[in-house]
Amino acid sequence: TVPSTDAEAKQKQGQALKNPLILGRLLSKDGDATVITLYLKPEQSDYQFNARVHEEIQEIIKPHADAGDFAEIFEVGAPFIEAEMFSYLWKDQRVLLPISCFILILFIGYSLGSYLAAIIPLSNAVVSTVWTAAMMHALDLPVNFLTYTIPALMIVIGSLEDIHLIAAFQEARKETGEGRQAMGLVGQRLGVILLCTSLPTVIGFGANAVSDLPIMISFGI
């Protein structure tokens, strides 16, 4: 039971200092520091469990930390680590994504001779990312260490087919001299090829959906 008075707390502390299973493990040898351990069993489908536990623990800790009730009070464990990792991941995304987009536009624009054409792969990646995020929300899929990489993957993987199409369209337009005919010619030349190159990617990601690991399932879907 939790002691309700200072005298009871001192009594519990004295008992703990005499217990070799507690001393040096859950309680410091001088009795000034201790550990509160929580054993929790989440449901396998509860993807927000760690985030919720971390938030609730911080709600308990913060008033004591602000009031100076303890010299130091902090949280460790899986919920805390996951929350901190996601915080750093989002910070990285805010820096890396704009840099990736700038490099993509610069490289594709220079290669194809048109910076306007470079907007097409980027627009495709943005639309695909928005639809993916909407689907994840609808299916209640979590943002984890793998799914957070989806925006960057969309830019890299999605731009490949776009570059092929734009380059083929530029060549076909030189041959036909007319945009509609060039589009039809590109479809005839690259339709089956792009299907054969995209299908293995879809199958490869989809194969993760039958994994036994929840983090891989959400990534595959």
C-alpha atoms as a PDB file:
ATOM      1  CA  THR A   1       0.000   0.000   0.000  1.00  0.00           C
ATOM      2  CA  VAL A   2       1.028   3.593  -0.578  1.00  0.00           C
ATOM      3  CA  PRO A   3       2.013   5.347   2.685  1.00  0.00           C
ATOM      4  CA  SER A   4      -0.224   8.278   3.615  1.00  0.00           C
ATOM      5  CA  THR A   5       2.095   9.969   6.134  1.00  0.00           C
ATOM      6  CA  ASP A   6       5.798  10.768   6.403  1.00  0.00           C
ATOM      7  CA  ALA A   7       6.118   8.301   9.294  1.00  0.00           C
ATOM      8  CA  GLU A   8       4.682   5.479   7.215  1.00  0.00           C
ATOM      9  CA  ALA A   9       6.949   6.447   4.320  1.00  0.00           C
ATOM     10  CA  LYS A  10      10.014   6.316   6.590  1.00  0.00           C
ATOM     11  CA  GLN A  11       8.896   2.936   7.877  1.00  0.00           C
ATOM     12  CA  LYS A  12       8.496   1.590   4.339  1.00  0.00           C
ATOM     13  CA  GLN A  13      11.868   3.014   3.398  1.00  0.00           C
ATOM     14  CA  GLY A  14      13.529   1.277   6.342  1.00  0.00           C
ATOM     15  CA  GLN A  15      11.941  -2.036   5.391  1.00  0.00           C
ATOM     16  CA  ALA A  16      13.061  -1.633   1.791  1.00  0.00           C
ATOM     17  CA  LEU A  17      16.648  -0.824   2.808  1.00  0.00           C
ATOM     18  CA  LYS A  18      16.790  -4.147   4.633  1.00  0.00           C
ATOM     19  CA  ASN A  19      15.513  -6.110   1.648  1.00  0.00           C
ATOM     20  CA  PRO A  20      18.420  -7.356  -0.541  1.00  0.00           C
ATOM     21  CA  LEU A  21      16.043  -7.900  -3.484  1.00  0.00           C
ATOM     22  CA  ILE A  22      15.085  -4.220  -3.494  1.00  0.00           C
ATOM     23  CA  LEU A  23      18.261  -2.473  -2.344  1.00  0.00           C
ATOM     24  CA  GLY A  24      20.443  -1.460  -5.268  1.00  0.00           C
ATOM     25  CA  ARG A  25      17.794  -2.513  -7.764  1.00  0.00           C
ATOM     26  CA  LEU A  26      14.600  -0.602  -7.076  1.00  0.00           C
ATOM     27  CA  LEU A  27      15.972   1.599  -4.314  1.00  0.00           C
ATOM     28  CA  SER A  28      19.321   3.358  -4.067  1.00  0.00           C
ATOM     29  CA  LYS A  29      21.611   2.394  -1.198  1.00  0.00           C
ATOM     30  CA  ASP A  30      21.162   5.772   0.470  1.00  0.00           C
ATOM     31  CA  GLY A  31      17.382   5.523   0.124  1.00  0.00           C
ATOM     32  CA  ASP A  32      17.103   8.822  -1.769  1.00  0.00           C
ATOM     33  CA  ALA A  33      16.136   7.417  -5.190  1.00  0.00           C
ATOM     34  CA  THR A  34      13.659   4.762  -6.225  1.00  0.00           C
ATOM     35  CA  VAL A  35      12.019   3.250  -9.268  1.00  0.00           C
ATOM     36  CA  ILE A  36       8.306   2.878  -9.958  1.00  0.00           C
ATOM     37  CA  THR A  37       7.849   0.053 -12.441  1.00  0.00           C
ATOM     38  CA  LEU A  38       4.678  -0.434 -14.470  1.00  0.00           C
ATOM     39  CA  TYR A  39       3.878  -3.795 -16.036  1.00  0.00           C
ATOM     40  CA  LEU A  40       1.366  -3.207 -18.814  1.00  0.00           C
ATOM     41  CA  LYS A  41      -0.082  -5.578 -21.386  1.00  0.00           C
ATOM     42  CA  PRO A  42      -1.412  -3.772 -24.459  1.00  0.00           C
ATOM     43  CA  GLU A  43      -3.785  -5.208 -26.994  1.00  0.00           C
ATOM     44  CA  GLN A  44      -2.003  -6.180 -30.204  1.00  0.00           C
ATOM     45  CA  SER A  45      -4.310  -3.959 -32.266  1.00  0.00           C
ATOM     46  CA  ASP A  46      -3.883  -0.931 -29.968  1.00  0.00           C
ATOM     47  CA  TYR A  47      -1.321   1.003 -31.998  1.00  0.00           C
ATOM     48  CA  GLN A  48      -1.667   4.135 -29.876  1.00  0.00           C
ATOM     49  CA  PHE A  49      -0.949   2.363 -26.592  1.00  0.00           C
ATOM     50  CA  ASN A  50       2.596   3.679 -26.040  1.00  0.00           C
ATOM     51  CA  ALA A  51       1.652   7.223 -27.010  1.00  0.00           C
ATOM     52  CA  ARG A  52      -1.312   7.186 -24.629  1.00  0.00           C
ATOM     53  CA  VAL A  53       0.735   5.730 -21.755  1.00  0.00           C
ATOM     54  CA  HIS A  54       3.474   8.333 -22.263  1.00  0.00           C
ATOM     55  CA  GLU A  55       0.939  11.164 -22.257  1.00  0.00           C
ATOM     56  CA  GLU A  56      -0.759   9.921 -19.084  1.00  0.00           C
ATOM     57  CA  ILE A  57       2.554   9.426 -17.276  1.00  0.00           C
ATOM     58  CA  GLN A  58       3.641  12.948 -18.198  1.00  0.00           C
ATOM     59  CA  GLU A  59       0.355  14.299 -16.838  1.00  0.00           C
ATOM     60  CA  ILE A  60       1.217  12.666 -13.497  1.00  0.00           C
ATOM     61  CA  ILE A  61       4.891  13.668 -13.462  1.00  0.00           C
ATOM     62  CA  LYS A  62       4.617  17.286 -14.601  1.00  0.00           C
ATOM     63  CA  PRO A  63       2.826  18.731 -11.537  1.00  0.00           C
ATOM     64  CA  HIS A  64       5.418  17.161  -9.213  1.00  0.00           C
ATOM     65  CA  ALA A  65       8.296  18.378 -11.377  1.00  0.00           C
ATOM     66  CA  ASP A  66       6.873  21.910 -11.548  1.00  0.00           C
ATOM     67  CA  ALA A  67       6.256  21.976  -7.799  1.00  0.00           C
ATOM     68  CA  GLY A  68       9.769  20.745  -7.014  1.00  0.00           C
ATOM     69  CA  ASP A  69       8.491  17.832  -4.949  1.00  0.00           C
ATOM     70  CA  PHE A  70      11.507  15.773  -6.032  1.00  0.00           C
ATOM     71  CA  ALA A  71      15.097  16.624  -6.823  1.00  0.00           C
ATOM     72  CA  GLU A  72      14.569  14.834 -10.143  1.00  0.00           C
ATOM     73  CA  ILE A  73      11.680  12.835 -11.584  1.00  0.00           C
ATOM     74  CA  PHE A  74      11.620  11.383 -15.079  1.00  0.00           C
ATOM     75  CA  GLU A  75      10.191   8.640 -17.260  1.00  0.00           C
ATOM     76  CA  VAL A  76      12.046   5.856 -19.075  1.00  0.00           C
ATOM     77  CA  GLY A  77      10.876   2.848 -21.045  1.00  0.00           C
ATOM     78  CA  ALA A  78       9.290   1.993 -24.402  1.00  0.00           C
ATOM     79  CA  PRO A  79       6.519   4.651 -24.381  1.00  0.00           C
ATOM     80  CA  PHE A  80       9.011   7.433 -23.610  1.00  0.00           C
ATOM     81  CA  ILE A  81      11.548   6.213 -26.182  1.00  0.00           C
ATOM     82  CA  GLU A  82       8.892   5.908 -28.881  1.00  0.00           C
ATOM     83  CA  ALA A  83       7.525   9.389 -28.182  1.00  0.00           C
ATOM     84  CA  GLU A  84      11.008  10.937 -28.271  1.00  0.00           C
ATOM     85  CA  MET A  85      11.918   9.062 -31.443  1.00  0.00           C
ATOM     86  CA  PHE A  86       8.802  10.308 -33.229  1.00  0.00           C
ATOM     87  CA  SER A  87       9.553  13.834 -32.084  1.00  0.00           C
ATOM     88  CA  TYR A  88      12.986  13.661 -33.706  1.00  0.00           C
ATOM     89  CA  LEU A  89      11.575  11.939 -36.795  1.00  0.00           C
ATOM     90  CA  TRP A  90       9.063  14.728 -37.404  1.00  0.00           C
ATOM     91  CA  LYS A  91      11.800  17.306 -36.968  1.00  0.00           C
ATOM     92  CA  ASP A  92      13.891  15.453 -39.560  1.00  0.00           C
ATOM     93  CA  GLN A  93      10.962  15.340 -41.971  1.00  0.00           C
ATOM     94  CA  ARG A  94      10.481  19.097 -41.789  1.00  0.00           C
ATOM     95  CA  VAL A  95      14.097  19.519 -42.865  1.00  0.00           C
ATOM     96  CA  LEU A  96      14.709  16.586 -45.207  1.00  0.00           C
ATOM     97  CA  LEU A  97      11.502  16.728 -47.257  1.00  0.00           C
ATOM     98  CA  PRO A  98      11.977  20.315 -48.499  1.00  0.00           C
ATOM     99  CA  ILE A  99      15.604  19.531 -49.319  1.00  0.00           C
ATOM    100  CA  SER A 100      14.564  16.369 -51.205  1.00  0.00           C
ATOM    101  CA  CYS A 101      11.924  18.292 -53.158  1.00  0.00           C
ATOM    102  CA  PHE A 102      14.393  21.026 -54.080  1.00  0.00           C
ATOM    103  CA  ILE A 103      17.010  18.512 -55.269  1.00  0.00           C
ATOM    104  CA  LEU A 104      14.357  16.599 -57.234  1.00  0.00           C
ATOM    105  CA  ILE A 105      13.143  19.718 -59.036  1.00  0.00           C
ATOM    106  CA  LEU A 106      16.696  20.882 -59.714  1.00  0.00           C
ATOM    107  CA  PHE A 107      17.913  17.531 -61.054  1.00  0.00           C
ATOM    108  CA  ILE A 108      14.845  16.642 -63.133  1.00  0.00           C
ATOM    109  CA  GLY A 109      14.480  20.161 -64.455  1.00  0.00           C
ATOM    110  CA  TYR A 110      18.095  20.211 -65.620  1.00  0.00           C
ATOM    111  CA  SER A 111      17.906  16.685 -67.094  1.00  0.00           C
ATOM    112  CA  LEU A 112      14.654  17.220 -69.000  1.00  0.00           C
ATOM    113  CA  GLY A 113      15.350  20.809 -69.920  1.00  0.00           C
ATOM    114  CA  SER A 114      12.142  22.029 -68.279  1.00  0.00           C
ATOM    115  CA  TYR A 115      11.718  22.980 -64.660  1.00  0.00           C
ATOM    116  CA  LEU A 116       7.956  23.112 -65.206  1.00  0.00           C
ATOM    117  CA  ALA A 117       8.022  19.404 -66.064  1.00  0.00           C
ATOM    118  CA  ALA A 118       9.812  18.732 -62.769  1.00  0.00           C
ATOM    119  CA  ILE A 119       6.676  19.855 -60.914  1.00  0.00           C
ATOM    120  CA  ILE A 120       4.750  16.828 -62.234  1.00  0.00           C
ATOM    121  CA  PRO A 121       6.649  14.131 -60.247  1.00  0.00           C
ATOM    122  CA  LEU A 122       6.521  16.312 -57.159  1.00  0.00           C
ATOM    123  CA  SER A 123       2.764  16.877 -57.530  1.00  0.00           C
ATOM    124  CA  ASN A 124       2.259  13.154 -57.979  1.00  0.00           C
ATOM    125  CA  ALA A 125       4.201  12.458 -54.787  1.00  0.00           C
ATOM    126  CA  VAL A 126       2.186  15.050 -52.822  1.00  0.00           C
ATOM    127  CA  VAL A 127      -1.165  13.676 -54.021  1.00  0.00           C
ATOM    128  CA  SER A 128      -0.078  10.086 -53.331  1.00  0.00           C
ATOM    129  CA  THR A 129       1.129  11.001 -49.839  1.00  0.00           C
ATOM    130  CA  VAL A 130      -2.146  12.783 -49.020  1.00  0.00           C
ATOM    131  CA  TRP A 131      -4.212   9.812 -50.199  1.00  0.00           C
ATOM    132  CA  THR A 132      -1.988   7.416 -48.270  1.00  0.00           C
ATOM    133  CA  ALA A 133      -2.311   9.475 -45.099  1.00  0.00           C
ATOM    134  CA  ALA A 134      -6.093   9.585 -45.540  1.00  0.00           C
ATOM    135  CA  MET A 135      -6.226   5.806 -45.990  1.00  0.00           C
ATOM    136  CA  MET A 136      -4.065   5.266 -42.896  1.00  0.00           C
ATOM    137  CA  HIS A 137      -6.431   7.438 -40.894  1.00  0.00           C
ATOM    138  CA  ALA A 138      -9.508   5.635 -42.253  1.00  0.00           C
ATOM    139  CA  LEU A 139      -8.014   2.218 -41.449  1.00  0.00           C
ATOM    140  CA  ASP A 140      -6.649   3.405 -38.081  1.00  0.00           C
ATOM    141  CA  LEU A 141      -3.085   2.522 -39.057  1.00  0.00           C
ATOM    142  CA  PRO A 142      -0.337   4.003 -36.866  1.00  0.00           C
ATOM    143  CA  VAL A 143       2.565   6.237 -37.832  1.00  0.00           C
ATOM    144  CA  ASN A 144       5.627   4.178 -36.943  1.00  0.00           C
ATOM    145  CA  PHE A 145       9.315   4.006 -37.783  1.00  0.00           C
ATOM    146  CA  LEU A 146       8.547   2.600 -41.234  1.00  0.00           C
ATOM    147  CA  THR A 147       5.404   4.454 -42.283  1.00  0.00           C
ATOM    148  CA  TYR A 148       6.973   7.820 -41.499  1.00  0.00           C
ATOM    149  CA  THR A 149       9.327   7.223 -44.462  1.00  0.00           C
ATOM    150  CA  ILE A 150       6.392   7.051 -46.908  1.00  0.00           C
ATOM    151  CA  PRO A 151       6.607  10.701 -48.083  1.00  0.00           C
ATOM    152  CA  ALA A 152      10.277  10.287 -48.995  1.00  0.00           C
ATOM    153  CA  LEU A 153       9.558   6.929 -50.647  1.00  0.00           C
ATOM    154  CA  MET A 154       6.733   8.472 -52.656  1.00  0.00           C
ATOM    155  CA  ILE A 155       9.093  11.094 -54.007  1.00  0.00           C
ATOM    156  CA  VAL A 156      11.778   8.564 -54.942  1.00  0.00           C
ATOM    157  CA  ILE A 157       9.675   5.651 -56.210  1.00  0.00           C
ATOM    158  CA  GLY A 158       6.821   7.680 -57.670  1.00  0.00           C
ATOM    159  CA  SER A 159       9.055   9.995 -59.665  1.00  0.00           C
ATOM    160  CA  LEU A 160      10.667   7.153 -61.650  1.00  0.00           C
ATOM    161  CA  GLU A 161       7.624   6.409 -63.817  1.00  0.00           C
ATOM    162  CA  ASP A 162       6.876  10.108 -64.165  1.00  0.00           C
ATOM    163  CA  ILE A 163      10.358  10.777 -65.505  1.00  0.00           C
ATOM    164  CA  HIS A 164      10.025   7.934 -68.027  1.00  0.00           C
ATOM    165  CA  LEU A 165       6.665   9.282 -69.192  1.00  0.00           C
ATOM    166  CA  ILE A 166       7.865  12.878 -69.494  1.00  0.00           C
ATOM    167  CA  ALA A 167      11.023  11.900 -71.392  1.00  0.00           C
ATOM    168  CA  ALA A 168       9.044   9.605 -73.719  1.00  0.00           C
ATOM    169  CA  PHE A 169       6.447  12.322 -74.278  1.00  0.00           C
ATOM    170  CA  GLN A 170       9.123  14.832 -75.254  1.00  0.00           C
ATOM    171  CA  GLU A 171      10.563  12.395 -77.800  1.00  0.00           C
ATOM    172  CA  ALA A 172       7.138  11.452 -79.161  1.00  0.00           C
ATOM    173  CA  ARG A 173       6.161  15.080 -79.526  1.00  0.00           C
ATOM    174  CA  LYS A 174       9.254  15.732 -81.615  1.00  0.00           C
ATOM    175  CA  GLU A 175       8.193  12.838 -83.879  1.00  0.00           C
ATOM    176  CA  THR A 176       4.515  13.731 -84.208  1.00  0.00           C
ATOM    177  CA  GLY A 177       4.585  17.465 -83.624  1.00  0.00           C
ATOM    178  CA  GLU A 178       1.245  17.248 -81.820  1.00  0.00           C
ATOM    179  CA  GLY A 179       0.541  16.697 -78.130  1.00  0.00           C
ATOM    180  CA  ARG A 180      -2.461  14.342 -78.366  1.00  0.00           C
ATOM    181  CA  GLN A 181      -0.766  12.019 -80.823  1.00  0.00           C
ATOM    182  CA  ALA A 182       2.352  12.044 -78.661  1.00  0.00           C
ATOM    183  CA  MET A 183       0.334  11.011 -75.617  1.00  0.00           C
ATOM    184  CA  GLY A 184      -1.203   8.109 -77.528  1.00  0.00           C
ATOM    185  CA  LEU A 185       2.206   7.047 -78.775  1.00  0.00           C
ATOM    186  CA  VAL A 186       3.617   7.114 -75.242  1.00  0.00           C
ATOM    187  CA  GLY A 187       0.754   4.934 -74.043  1.00  0.00           C
ATOM    188  CA  GLN A 188       1.426   2.383 -76.772  1.00  0.00           C
ATOM    189  CA  ARG A 189       5.142   2.283 -76.115  1.00  0.00           C
ATOM    190  CA  LEU A 190       5.290   2.422 -72.316  1.00  0.00           C
ATOM    191  CA  GLY A 191       1.899   1.208 -71.078  1.00  0.00           C
ATOM    192  CA  VAL A 192       2.820  -2.452 -70.660  1.00  0.00           C
ATOM    193  CA  ILE A 193       6.391  -1.635 -69.654  1.00  0.00           C
ATOM    194  CA  LEU A 194       5.335   0.650 -66.809  1.00  0.00           C
ATOM    195  CA  LEU A 195       2.788  -1.913 -65.648  1.00  0.00           C
ATOM    196  CA  CYS A 196       5.478  -4.587 -65.501  1.00  0.00           C
ATOM    197  CA  THR A 197       7.862  -2.321 -63.586  1.00  0.00           C
ATOM    198  CA  SER A 198       5.233  -1.038 -61.123  1.00  0.00           C
ATOM    199  CA  LEU A 199       3.532  -4.344 -60.397  1.00  0.00           C
ATOM    200  CA  PRO A 200       6.554  -5.937 -58.622  1.00  0.00           C
ATOM    201  CA  THR A 201       6.790  -2.834 -56.401  1.00  0.00           C
ATOM    202  CA  VAL A 202       3.124  -3.145 -55.447  1.00  0.00           C
ATOM    203  CA  ILE A 203       3.491  -6.879 -54.787  1.00  0.00           C
ATOM    204  CA  GLY A 204       6.673  -6.346 -52.771  1.00  0.00           C
ATOM    205  CA  PHE A 205       5.087  -3.785 -50.458  1.00  0.00           C
ATOM    206  CA  GLY A 206       1.844  -5.748 -50.290  1.00  0.00           C
ATOM    207  CA  ALA A 207       3.719  -8.852 -49.148  1.00  0.00           C
ATOM    208  CA  ASN A 208       4.515  -7.061 -45.916  1.00  0.00           C
ATOM    209  CA  ALA A 209       0.798  -6.958 -45.129  1.00  0.00           C
ATOM    210  CA  VAL A 210       0.802 -10.702 -44.374  1.00  0.00           C
ATOM    211  CA  SER A 211       3.688 -10.397 -41.901  1.00  0.00           C
ATOM    212  CA  ASP A 212       3.256 -11.351 -38.257  1.00  0.00           C
ATOM    213  CA  LEU A 213       4.698  -8.011 -37.116  1.00  0.00           C
ATOM    214  CA  PRO A 214       2.160  -5.177 -36.725  1.00  0.00           C
ATOM    215  CA  ILE A 215       4.726  -2.583 -37.796  1.00  0.00           C
ATOM    216  CA  MET A 216       5.295  -4.450 -41.083  1.00  0.00           C
ATOM    217  CA  ILE A 217       1.558  -4.968 -41.645  1.00  0.00           C
ATOM    218  CA  SER A 218       0.810  -1.264 -41.450  1.00  0.00           C
ATOM    219  CA  PHE A 219       3.747  -0.507 -43.745  1.00  0.00           C
ATOM    220  CA  GLY A 220       2.638  -3.096 -46.309  1.00  0.00           C
ATOM    221  CA  ILE A 221      -0.955  -1.873 -46.380  1.00  0.00           C
END
